[in-house]
Amino acid sequence: MKAIIKTGGKQYYVSEKDVIYVEKLNGNDGDKIVFDEVLMLDGKVGSPYLKNVTVEGVISKQGKQKKIRIFRYKQKDRSHRKTQGHRQPYTKVEITKING
């Protein structure tokens, strides 16, 4: 079975035993999580979500991505230069079951 779920403002195309990286979710390693915003299941499309369909997963890791550097400046103005870094947090989820 294949499904499209929505979490963190993004959509993910998943099947059982898939591993996905999503925006940070609350929970610890080993916690079960249920996605109830399912947009499609094996070609069946909801408007906007399918009823009585869920996707279950297990949180396997909480972490941060690689650091990116942000450098801002104004041309010909040496007084305005700024360097900033950012590490986006993520959650690694293993999809265990698709109910529907």
PDB file of N, CA and C in Angstrom:
ATOM      1  N   MET A   1       0.846  -1.184   0.000  1.00  0.00           N
ATOM      2  CA  MET A   1       0.000   0.000   0.000  1.00  0.00           C
ATOM      3  C   MET A   1       0.885   1.238   0.000  1.00  0.00           C
ATOM      4  N   LYS A   2       0.435   2.249  -0.699  1.00  0.00           N
ATOM      5  CA  LYS A   2       1.146   3.520  -0.765  1.00  0.00           C
ATOM      6  C   LYS A   2       0.178   4.626  -0.390  1.00  0.00           C
ATOM      7  N   ALA A   3       0.719   5.661   0.247  1.00  0.00           N
ATOM      8  CA  ALA A   3      -0.124   6.763   0.708  1.00  0.00           C
ATOM      9  C   ALA A   3       0.648   8.069   0.605  1.00  0.00           C
ATOM     10  N   ILE A   4      -0.100   9.159   0.548  1.00  0.00           N
ATOM     11  CA  ILE A   4       0.477  10.488   0.632  1.00  0.00           C
ATOM     12  C   ILE A   4      -0.020  11.109   1.923  1.00  0.00           C
ATOM     13  N   ILE A   5       0.928  11.479   2.802  1.00  0.00           N
ATOM     14  CA  ILE A   5       0.567  12.084   4.083  1.00  0.00           C
ATOM     15  C   ILE A   5       1.062  13.526   4.106  1.00  0.00           C
ATOM     16  N   LYS A   6       0.462  14.305   4.997  1.00  0.00           N
ATOM     17  CA  LYS A   6       0.860  15.694   5.155  1.00  0.00           C
ATOM     18  C   LYS A   6       1.298  15.906   6.599  1.00  0.00           C
ATOM     19  N   THR A   7       2.499  16.463   6.762  1.00  0.00           N
ATOM     20  CA  THR A   7       2.993  16.811   8.086  1.00  0.00           C
ATOM     21  C   THR A   7       4.033  17.907   7.939  1.00  0.00           C
ATOM     22  N   GLY A   8       4.008  18.857   8.835  1.00  0.00           N
ATOM     23  CA  GLY A   8       4.968  19.945   8.816  1.00  0.00           C
ATOM     24  C   GLY A   8       4.857  20.845   7.599  1.00  0.00           C
ATOM     25  N   GLY A   9       3.663  20.925   7.002  1.00  0.00           N
ATOM     26  CA  GLY A   9       3.465  21.768   5.835  1.00  0.00           C
ATOM     27  C   GLY A   9       3.966  21.152   4.538  1.00  0.00           C
ATOM     28  N   LYS A  10       4.395  19.888   4.583  1.00  0.00           N
ATOM     29  CA  LYS A  10       4.894  19.205   3.395  1.00  0.00           C
ATOM     30  C   LYS A  10       4.135  17.890   3.193  1.00  0.00           C
ATOM     31  N   GLN A  11       4.191  17.363   1.983  1.00  0.00           N
ATOM     32  CA  GLN A  11       3.546  16.102   1.667  1.00  0.00           C
ATOM     33  C   GLN A  11       4.617  15.055   1.377  1.00  0.00           C
ATOM     34  N   TYR A  12       4.375  13.819   1.841  1.00  0.00           N
ATOM     35  CA  TYR A  12       5.327  12.735   1.682  1.00  0.00           C
ATOM     36  C   TYR A  12       4.619  11.522   1.093  1.00  0.00           C
ATOM     37  N   TYR A  13       5.240  10.902   0.088  1.00  0.00           N
ATOM     38  CA  TYR A  13       4.732   9.695  -0.549  1.00  0.00           C
ATOM     39  C   TYR A  13       5.395   8.517   0.151  1.00  0.00           C
ATOM     40  N   VAL A  14       4.627   7.718   0.888  1.00  0.00           N
ATOM     41  CA  VAL A  14       5.209   6.677   1.735  1.00  0.00           C
ATOM     42  C   VAL A  14       4.566   5.322   1.473  1.00  0.00           C
ATOM     43  N   SER A  15       5.297   4.295   1.842  1.00  0.00           N
ATOM     44  CA  SER A  15       4.780   2.940   1.885  1.00  0.00           C
ATOM     45  C   SER A  15       5.324   2.305   3.167  1.00  0.00           C
ATOM     46  N   GLU A  16       4.873   1.094   3.467  1.00  0.00           N
ATOM     47  CA  GLU A  16       5.316   0.442   4.694  1.00  0.00           C
ATOM     48  C   GLU A  16       6.825   0.176   4.630  1.00  0.00           C
ATOM     49  N   LYS A  17       7.477   0.278   5.774  1.00  0.00           N
ATOM     50  CA  LYS A  17       8.917   0.086   5.965  1.00  0.00           C
ATOM     51  C   LYS A  17       9.762   1.189   5.343  1.00  0.00           C
ATOM     52  N   ASP A  18       9.162   2.320   4.971  1.00  0.00           N
ATOM     53  CA  ASP A  18       9.926   3.468   4.482  1.00  0.00           C
ATOM     54  C   ASP A  18      10.488   4.256   5.658  1.00  0.00           C
ATOM     55  N   VAL A  19      11.573   4.969   5.414  1.00  0.00           N
ATOM     56  CA  VAL A  19      12.167   5.867   6.399  1.00  0.00           C
ATOM     57  C   VAL A  19      12.107   7.264   5.812  1.00  0.00           C
ATOM     58  N   ILE A  20      11.476   8.205   6.550  1.00  0.00           N
ATOM     59  CA  ILE A  20      11.356   9.576   6.069  1.00  0.00           C
ATOM     60  C   ILE A  20      11.910  10.535   7.121  1.00  0.00           C
ATOM     61  N   TYR A  21      12.371  11.674   6.645  1.00  0.00           N
ATOM     62  CA  TYR A  21      12.850  12.742   7.508  1.00  0.00           C
ATOM     63  C   TYR A  21      11.842  13.888   7.414  1.00  0.00           C
ATOM     64  N   VAL A  22      11.211  14.235   8.542  1.00  0.00           N
ATOM     65  CA  VAL A  22      10.175  15.258   8.558  1.00  0.00           C
ATOM     66  C   VAL A  22      10.580  16.392   9.487  1.00  0.00           C
ATOM     67  N   GLU A  23       9.818  17.482   9.433  1.00  0.00           N
ATOM     68  CA  GLU A  23      10.033  18.580  10.370  1.00  0.00           C
ATOM     69  C   GLU A  23       9.923  18.040  11.790  1.00  0.00           C
ATOM     70  N   LYS A  24      10.592  18.670  12.728  1.00  0.00           N
ATOM     71  CA  LYS A  24      10.661  18.180  14.108  1.00  0.00           C
ATOM     72  C   LYS A  24       9.279  17.943  14.706  1.00  0.00           C
ATOM     73  N   LEU A  25       9.088  16.750  15.252  1.00  0.00           N
ATOM     74  CA  LEU A  25       7.859  16.367  15.942  1.00  0.00           C
ATOM     75  C   LEU A  25       8.176  16.130  17.410  1.00  0.00           C
ATOM     76  N   ASN A  26       7.195  16.367  18.267  1.00  0.00           N
ATOM     77  CA  ASN A  26       7.385  16.122  19.690  1.00  0.00           C
ATOM     78  C   ASN A  26       7.390  14.626  19.949  1.00  0.00           C
ATOM     79  N   GLY A  27       8.318  14.171  20.743  1.00  0.00           N
ATOM     80  CA  GLY A  27       8.409  12.755  21.077  1.00  0.00           C
ATOM     81  C   GLY A  27       9.854  12.347  21.241  1.00  0.00           C
ATOM     82  N   ASN A  28      10.043  11.150  21.780  1.00  0.00           N
ATOM     83  CA  ASN A  28      11.375  10.602  22.005  1.00  0.00           C
ATOM     84  C   ASN A  28      11.601   9.401  21.099  1.00  0.00           C
ATOM     85  N   ASP A  29      12.827   8.908  21.074  1.00  0.00           N
ATOM     86  CA  ASP A  29      13.137   7.725  20.274  1.00  0.00           C
ATOM     87  C   ASP A  29      12.300   6.546  20.743  1.00  0.00           C
ATOM     88  N   GLY A  30      11.705   5.828  19.794  1.00  0.00           N
ATOM     89  CA  GLY A  30      10.884   4.665  20.121  1.00  0.00           C
ATOM     90  C   GLY A  30       9.413   4.973  20.297  1.00  0.00           C
ATOM     91  N   ASP A  31       9.027   6.248  20.358  1.00  0.00           N
ATOM     92  CA  ASP A  31       7.616   6.604  20.497  1.00  0.00           C
ATOM     93  C   ASP A  31       6.867   6.333  19.201  1.00  0.00           C
ATOM     94  N   LYS A  32       5.609   5.898  19.338  1.00  0.00           N
ATOM     95  CA  LYS A  32       4.763   5.687  18.163  1.00  0.00           C
ATOM     96  C   LYS A  32       4.072   6.993  17.811  1.00  0.00           C
ATOM     97  N   ILE A  33       3.871   7.201  16.527  1.00  0.00           N
ATOM     98  CA  ILE A  33       3.226   8.411  16.046  1.00  0.00           C
ATOM     99  C   ILE A  33       2.223   8.024  14.969  1.00  0.00           C
ATOM    100  N   VAL A  34       1.096   8.746  14.939  1.00  0.00           N
ATOM    101  CA  VAL A  34       0.028   8.456  13.984  1.00  0.00           C
ATOM    102  C   VAL A  34      -0.215   9.694  13.133  1.00  0.00           C
ATOM    103  N   PHE A  35      -0.153   9.524  11.813  1.00  0.00           N
ATOM    104  CA  PHE A  35      -0.468  10.591  10.873  1.00  0.00           C
ATOM    105  C   PHE A  35      -1.902  10.365  10.393  1.00  0.00           C
ATOM    106  N   ASP A  36      -2.796  11.329  10.693  1.00  0.00           N
ATOM    107  CA  ASP A  36      -4.196  11.168  10.292  1.00  0.00           C
ATOM    108  C   ASP A  36      -4.574  12.043   9.103  1.00  0.00           C
ATOM    109  N   GLU A  37      -3.647  12.906   8.665  1.00  0.00           N
ATOM    110  CA  GLU A  37      -3.901  13.728   7.492  1.00  0.00           C
ATOM    111  C   GLU A  37      -3.383  12.986   6.255  1.00  0.00           C
ATOM    112  N   VAL A  38      -4.199  12.053   5.752  1.00  0.00           N
ATOM    113  CA  VAL A  38      -3.842  11.243   4.595  1.00  0.00           C
ATOM    114  C   VAL A  38      -4.583  11.791   3.385  1.00  0.00           C
ATOM    115  N   LEU A  39      -3.839  12.185   2.363  1.00  0.00           N
ATOM    116  CA  LEU A  39      -4.424  12.795   1.170  1.00  0.00           C
ATOM    117  C   LEU A  39      -4.805  11.767   0.113  1.00  0.00           C
ATOM    118  N   MET A  40      -4.038  10.667   0.016  1.00  0.00           N
ATOM    119  CA  MET A  40      -4.307   9.657  -0.998  1.00  0.00           C
ATOM    120  C   MET A  40      -3.881   8.292  -0.484  1.00  0.00           C
ATOM    121  N   LEU A  41      -4.644   7.264  -0.849  1.00  0.00           N
ATOM    122  CA  LEU A  41      -4.315   5.887  -0.495  1.00  0.00           C
ATOM    123  C   LEU A  41      -4.601   5.002  -1.698  1.00  0.00           C
ATOM    124  N   ASP A  42      -3.555   4.484  -2.322  1.00  0.00           N
ATOM    125  CA  ASP A  42      -3.678   3.608  -3.500  1.00  0.00           C
ATOM    126  C   ASP A  42      -4.604   4.174  -4.568  1.00  0.00           C
ATOM    127  N   GLY A  43      -4.455   5.447  -4.883  1.00  0.00           N
ATOM    128  CA  GLY A  43      -5.244   6.063  -5.946  1.00  0.00           C
ATOM    129  C   GLY A  43      -6.550   6.681  -5.497  1.00  0.00           C
ATOM    130  N   LYS A  44      -7.010   6.387  -4.273  1.00  0.00           N
ATOM    131  CA  LYS A  44      -8.234   7.001  -3.749  1.00  0.00           C
ATOM    132  C   LYS A  44      -7.880   8.372  -3.189  1.00  0.00           C
ATOM    133  N   VAL A  45      -8.539   9.390  -3.684  1.00  0.00           N
ATOM    134  CA  VAL A  45      -8.240  10.757  -3.288  1.00  0.00           C
ATOM    135  C   VAL A  45      -9.343  11.292  -2.405  1.00  0.00           C
ATOM    136  N   GLY A  46      -8.979  11.970  -1.324  1.00  0.00           N
ATOM    137  CA  GLY A  46      -9.957  12.588  -0.430  1.00  0.00           C
ATOM    138  C   GLY A  46     -10.116  14.053  -0.747  1.00  0.00           C
ATOM    139  N   SER A  47     -11.064  14.680  -0.066  1.00  0.00           N
ATOM    140  CA  SER A  47     -11.252  16.119  -0.281  1.00  0.00           C
ATOM    141  C   SER A  47     -11.410  16.815   1.057  1.00  0.00           C
ATOM    142  N   PRO A  48     -10.405  17.327   1.710  1.00  0.00           N
ATOM    143  CA  PRO A  48      -9.000  17.183   1.363  1.00  0.00           C
ATOM    144  C   PRO A  48      -8.371  15.918   1.929  1.00  0.00           C
ATOM    145  N   TYR A  49      -8.931  15.347   3.012  1.00  0.00           N
ATOM    146  CA  TYR A  49      -8.326  14.169   3.630  1.00  0.00           C
ATOM    147  C   TYR A  49      -9.280  12.991   3.559  1.00  0.00           C
ATOM    148  N   LEU A  50      -8.709  11.777   3.555  1.00  0.00           N
ATOM    149  CA  LEU A  50      -9.515  10.563   3.598  1.00  0.00           C
ATOM    150  C   LEU A  50      -9.966  10.303   5.027  1.00  0.00           C
ATOM    151  N   LYS A  51     -11.176   9.816   5.174  1.00  0.00           N
ATOM    152  CA  LYS A  51     -11.703   9.506   6.514  1.00  0.00           C
ATOM    153  C   LYS A  51     -11.351   8.071   6.878  1.00  0.00           C
ATOM    154  N   ASN A  52     -11.135   7.831   8.161  1.00  0.00           N
ATOM    155  CA  ASN A  52     -10.829   6.507   8.717  1.00  0.00           C
ATOM    156  C   ASN A  52      -9.575   5.880   8.124  1.00  0.00           C
ATOM    157  N   VAL A  53      -8.624   6.701   7.714  1.00  0.00           N
ATOM    158  CA  VAL A  53      -7.344   6.211   7.191  1.00  0.00           C
ATOM    159  C   VAL A  53      -6.225   6.859   8.000  1.00  0.00           C
ATOM    160  N   THR A  54      -5.310   6.038   8.503  1.00  0.00           N
ATOM    161  CA  THR A  54      -4.178   6.546   9.275  1.00  0.00           C
ATOM    162  C   THR A  54      -2.900   5.855   8.820  1.00  0.00           C
ATOM    163  N   VAL A  55      -1.787   6.507   9.080  1.00  0.00           N
ATOM    164  CA  VAL A  55      -0.467   5.936   8.823  1.00  0.00           C
ATOM    165  C   VAL A  55       0.283   5.967  10.144  1.00  0.00           C
ATOM    166  N   GLU A  56       0.803   4.812  10.559  1.00  0.00           N
ATOM    167  CA  GLU A  56       1.510   4.702  11.831  1.00  0.00           C
ATOM    168  C   GLU A  56       3.010   4.613  11.592  1.00  0.00           C
ATOM    169  N   GLY A  57       3.767   5.185  12.513  1.00  0.00           N
ATOM    170  CA  GLY A  57       5.218   5.148  12.417  1.00  0.00           C
ATOM    171  C   GLY A  57       5.858   5.164  13.787  1.00  0.00           C
ATOM    172  N   VAL A  58       7.167   4.965  13.800  1.00  0.00           N
ATOM    173  CA  VAL A  58       7.948   4.971  15.031  1.00  0.00           C
ATOM    174  C   VAL A  58       9.079   5.980  14.857  1.00  0.00           C
ATOM    175  N   ILE A  59       9.250   6.852  15.861  1.00  0.00           N
ATOM    176  CA  ILE A  59      10.339   7.817  15.833  1.00  0.00           C
ATOM    177  C   ILE A  59      11.639   7.071  16.127  1.00  0.00           C
ATOM    178  N   SER A  60      12.592   7.174  15.195  1.00  0.00           N
ATOM    179  CA  SER A  60      13.854   6.476  15.411  1.00  0.00           C
ATOM    180  C   SER A  60      14.996   7.430  15.757  1.00  0.00           C
ATOM    181  N   LYS A  61      14.827   8.732  15.472  1.00  0.00           N
ATOM    182  CA  LYS A  61      15.911   9.656  15.786  1.00  0.00           C
ATOM    183  C   LYS A  61      15.405  11.086  15.756  1.00  0.00           C
ATOM    184  N   GLN A  62      15.932  11.904  16.659  1.00  0.00           N
ATOM    185  CA  GLN A  62      15.741  13.354  16.639  1.00  0.00           C
ATOM    186  C   GLN A  62      17.113  13.955  16.380  1.00  0.00           C
ATOM    187  N   GLY A  63      17.220  14.892  15.480  1.00  0.00           N
ATOM    188  CA  GLY A  63      18.534  15.442  15.193  1.00  0.00           C
ATOM    189  C   GLY A  63      18.471  16.787  14.505  1.00  0.00           C
ATOM    190  N   LYS A  64      19.646  17.259  14.089  1.00  0.00           N
ATOM    191  CA  LYS A  64      19.757  18.517  13.358  1.00  0.00           C
ATOM    192  C   LYS A  64      20.524  18.265  12.067  1.00  0.00           C
ATOM    193  N   GLN A  65      20.147  18.990  11.011  1.00  0.00           N
ATOM    194  CA  GLN A  65      20.822  18.862   9.726  1.00  0.00           C
ATOM    195  C   GLN A  65      22.167  19.569   9.760  1.00  0.00           C
ATOM    196  N   LYS A  66      22.899  19.483   8.655  1.00  0.00           N
ATOM    197  CA  LYS A  66      24.189  20.170   8.566  1.00  0.00           C
ATOM    198  C   LYS A  66      23.976  21.667   8.623  1.00  0.00           C
ATOM    199  N   LYS A  67      24.979  22.361   9.154  1.00  0.00           N
ATOM    200  CA  LYS A  67      24.885  23.807   9.294  1.00  0.00           C
ATOM    201  C   LYS A  67      25.032  24.478   7.936  1.00  0.00           C
ATOM    202  N   ILE A  68      24.195  25.496   7.715  1.00  0.00           N
ATOM    203  CA  ILE A  68      24.333  26.324   6.527  1.00  0.00           C
ATOM    204  C   ILE A  68      24.774  27.715   6.973  1.00  0.00           C
ATOM    205  N   ARG A  69      25.528  28.369   6.132  1.00  0.00           N
ATOM    206  CA  ARG A  69      26.013  29.723   6.418  1.00  0.00           C
ATOM    207  C   ARG A  69      25.198  30.725   5.632  1.00  0.00           C
ATOM    208  N   ILE A  70      24.782  31.779   6.295  1.00  0.00           N
ATOM    209  CA  ILE A  70      24.043  32.862   5.667  1.00  0.00           C
ATOM    210  C   ILE A  70      24.915  34.107   5.792  1.00  0.00           C
ATOM    211  N   PHE A  71      25.231  34.728   4.677  1.00  0.00           N
ATOM    212  CA  PHE A  71      26.072  35.916   4.679  1.00  0.00           C
ATOM    213  C   PHE A  71      25.321  37.036   3.983  1.00  0.00           C
ATOM    214  N   ARG A  72      25.056  38.106   4.725  1.00  0.00           N
ATOM    215  CA  ARG A  72      24.353  39.260   4.171  1.00  0.00           C
ATOM    216  C   ARG A  72      25.302  40.444   4.139  1.00  0.00           C
ATOM    217  N   TYR A  73      25.186  41.224   3.075  1.00  0.00           N
ATOM    218  CA  TYR A  73      25.994  42.436   3.001  1.00  0.00           C
ATOM    219  C   TYR A  73      25.337  43.410   2.039  1.00  0.00           C
ATOM    220  N   LYS A  74      25.754  44.654   2.144  1.00  0.00           N
ATOM    221  CA  LYS A  74      25.318  45.674   1.205  1.00  0.00           C
ATOM    222  C   LYS A  74      26.526  46.075   0.374  1.00  0.00           C
ATOM    223  N   GLN A  75      26.323  46.142  -0.908  1.00  0.00           N
ATOM    224  CA  GLN A  75      27.399  46.483  -1.827  1.00  0.00           C
ATOM    225  C   GLN A  75      27.951  47.874  -1.525  1.00  0.00           C
ATOM    226  N   LYS A  76      29.258  47.990  -1.573  1.00  0.00           N
ATOM    227  CA  LYS A  76      29.964  49.277  -1.405  1.00  0.00           C
ATOM    228  C   LYS A  76      29.735  49.909  -0.028  1.00  0.00           C
ATOM    229  N   ASP A  77      29.289  49.120   0.939  1.00  0.00           N
ATOM    230  CA  ASP A  77      29.073  49.627   2.295  1.00  0.00           C
ATOM    231  C   ASP A  77      29.742  48.644   3.253  1.00  0.00           C
ATOM    232  N   ARG A  78      30.947  48.919   3.640  1.00  0.00           N
ATOM    233  CA  ARG A  78      31.712  47.980   4.458  1.00  0.00           C
ATOM    234  C   ARG A  78      31.197  47.861   5.888  1.00  0.00           C
ATOM    235  N   SER A  79      30.316  48.750   6.291  1.00  0.00           N
ATOM    236  CA  SER A  79      29.838  48.699   7.671  1.00  0.00           C
ATOM    237  C   SER A  79      28.703  47.693   7.855  1.00  0.00           C
ATOM    238  N   HIS A  80      28.124  47.186   6.765  1.00  0.00           N
ATOM    239  CA  HIS A  80      26.997  46.262   6.895  1.00  0.00           C
ATOM    240  C   HIS A  80      27.366  44.889   6.336  1.00  0.00           C
ATOM    241  N   ARG A  81      27.917  44.040   7.198  1.00  0.00           N
ATOM    242  CA  ARG A  81      28.233  42.655   6.857  1.00  0.00           C
ATOM    243  C   ARG A  81      27.819  41.792   8.027  1.00  0.00           C
ATOM    244  N   LYS A  82      27.088  40.715   7.741  1.00  0.00           N
ATOM    245  CA  LYS A  82      26.575  39.874   8.816  1.00  0.00           C
ATOM    246  C   LYS A  82      26.671  38.409   8.397  1.00  0.00           C
ATOM    247  N   THR A  83      27.225  37.574   9.253  1.00  0.00           N
ATOM    248  CA  THR A  83      27.297  36.137   9.024  1.00  0.00           C
ATOM    249  C   THR A  83      26.423  35.449  10.062  1.00  0.00           C
ATOM    250  N   GLN A  84      25.633  34.490   9.587  1.00  0.00           N
ATOM    251  CA  GLN A  84      24.717  33.796  10.477  1.00  0.00           C
ATOM    252  C   GLN A  84      24.707  32.328  10.078  1.00  0.00           C
ATOM    253  N   GLY A  85      24.471  31.439  11.031  1.00  0.00           N
ATOM    254  CA  GLY A  85      24.379  30.012  10.755  1.00  0.00           C
ATOM    255  C   GLY A  85      23.028  29.480  11.186  1.00  0.00           C
ATOM    256  N   HIS A  86      22.644  28.333  10.594  1.00  0.00           N
ATOM    257  CA  HIS A  86      21.360  27.731  10.940  1.00  0.00           C
ATOM    258  C   HIS A  86      21.443  26.221  10.784  1.00  0.00           C
ATOM    259  N   ARG A  87      20.895  25.494  11.766  1.00  0.00           N
ATOM    260  CA  ARG A  87      20.769  24.037  11.696  1.00  0.00           C
ATOM    261  C   ARG A  87      19.309  23.688  11.905  1.00  0.00           C
ATOM    262  N   GLN A  88      18.671  23.124  10.877  1.00  0.00           N
ATOM    263  CA  GLN A  88      17.248  22.802  10.930  1.00  0.00           C
ATOM    264  C   GLN A  88      17.037  21.490  11.687  1.00  0.00           C
ATOM    265  N   PRO A  89      16.188  21.467  12.725  1.00  0.00           N
ATOM    266  CA  PRO A  89      15.912  20.212  13.419  1.00  0.00           C
ATOM    267  C   PRO A  89      14.995  19.316  12.580  1.00  0.00           C
ATOM    268  N   TYR A  90      15.165  17.997  12.734  1.00  0.00           N
ATOM    269  CA  TYR A  90      14.342  17.038  11.998  1.00  0.00           C
ATOM    270  C   TYR A  90      14.032  15.837  12.878  1.00  0.00           C
ATOM    271  N   THR A  91      13.090  15.030  12.425  1.00  0.00           N
ATOM    272  CA  THR A  91      12.733  13.781  13.078  1.00  0.00           C
ATOM    273  C   THR A  91      12.771  12.675  12.034  1.00  0.00           C
ATOM    274  N   LYS A  92      13.467  11.592  12.337  1.00  0.00           N
ATOM    275  CA  LYS A  92      13.535  10.442  11.442  1.00  0.00           C
ATOM    276  C   LYS A  92      12.431   9.463  11.860  1.00  0.00           C
ATOM    277  N   VAL A  93      11.533   9.128  10.927  1.00  0.00           N
ATOM    278  CA  VAL A  93      10.375   8.288  11.216  1.00  0.00           C
ATOM    279  C   VAL A  93      10.396   7.073  10.322  1.00  0.00           C
ATOM    280  N   GLU A  94      10.184   5.887  10.925  1.00  0.00           N
ATOM    281  CA  GLU A  94      10.044   4.652  10.162  1.00  0.00           C
ATOM    282  C   GLU A  94       8.554   4.312  10.081  1.00  0.00           C
ATOM    283  N   ILE A  95       8.030   4.203   8.878  1.00  0.00           N
ATOM    284  CA  ILE A  95       6.617   3.900   8.675  1.00  0.00           C
ATOM    285  C   ILE A  95       6.411   2.405   8.934  1.00  0.00           C
ATOM    286  N   THR A  96       5.486   2.070   9.846  1.00  0.00           N
ATOM    287  CA  THR A  96       5.276   0.670  10.214  1.00  0.00           C
ATOM    288  C   THR A  96       3.992   0.090   9.619  1.00  0.00           C
ATOM    289  N   LYS A  97       2.936   0.911   9.527  1.00  0.00           N
ATOM    290  CA  LYS A  97       1.648   0.341   9.107  1.00  0.00           C
ATOM    291  C   LYS A  97       0.789   1.424   8.463  1.00  0.00           C
ATOM    292  N   ILE A  98       0.045   1.019   7.432  1.00  0.00           N
ATOM    293  CA  ILE A  98      -0.925   1.909   6.793  1.00  0.00           C
ATOM    294  C   ILE A  98      -2.309   1.286   6.994  1.00  0.00           C
ATOM    295  N   ASN A  99      -3.162   1.962   7.742  1.00  0.00           N
ATOM    296  CA  ASN A  99      -4.506   1.469   8.044  1.00  0.00           C
ATOM    297  C   ASN A  99      -5.504   2.121   7.111  1.00  0.00           C
ATOM    298  N   GLY A 100      -6.276   1.335   6.401  1.00  0.00           N
ATOM    299  CA  GLY A 100      -7.286   1.916   5.550  1.00  0.00           C
ATOM    300  C   GLY A 100      -7.741   0.951   4.594  1.00  0.00           C
TER     301      GLY A 100
END
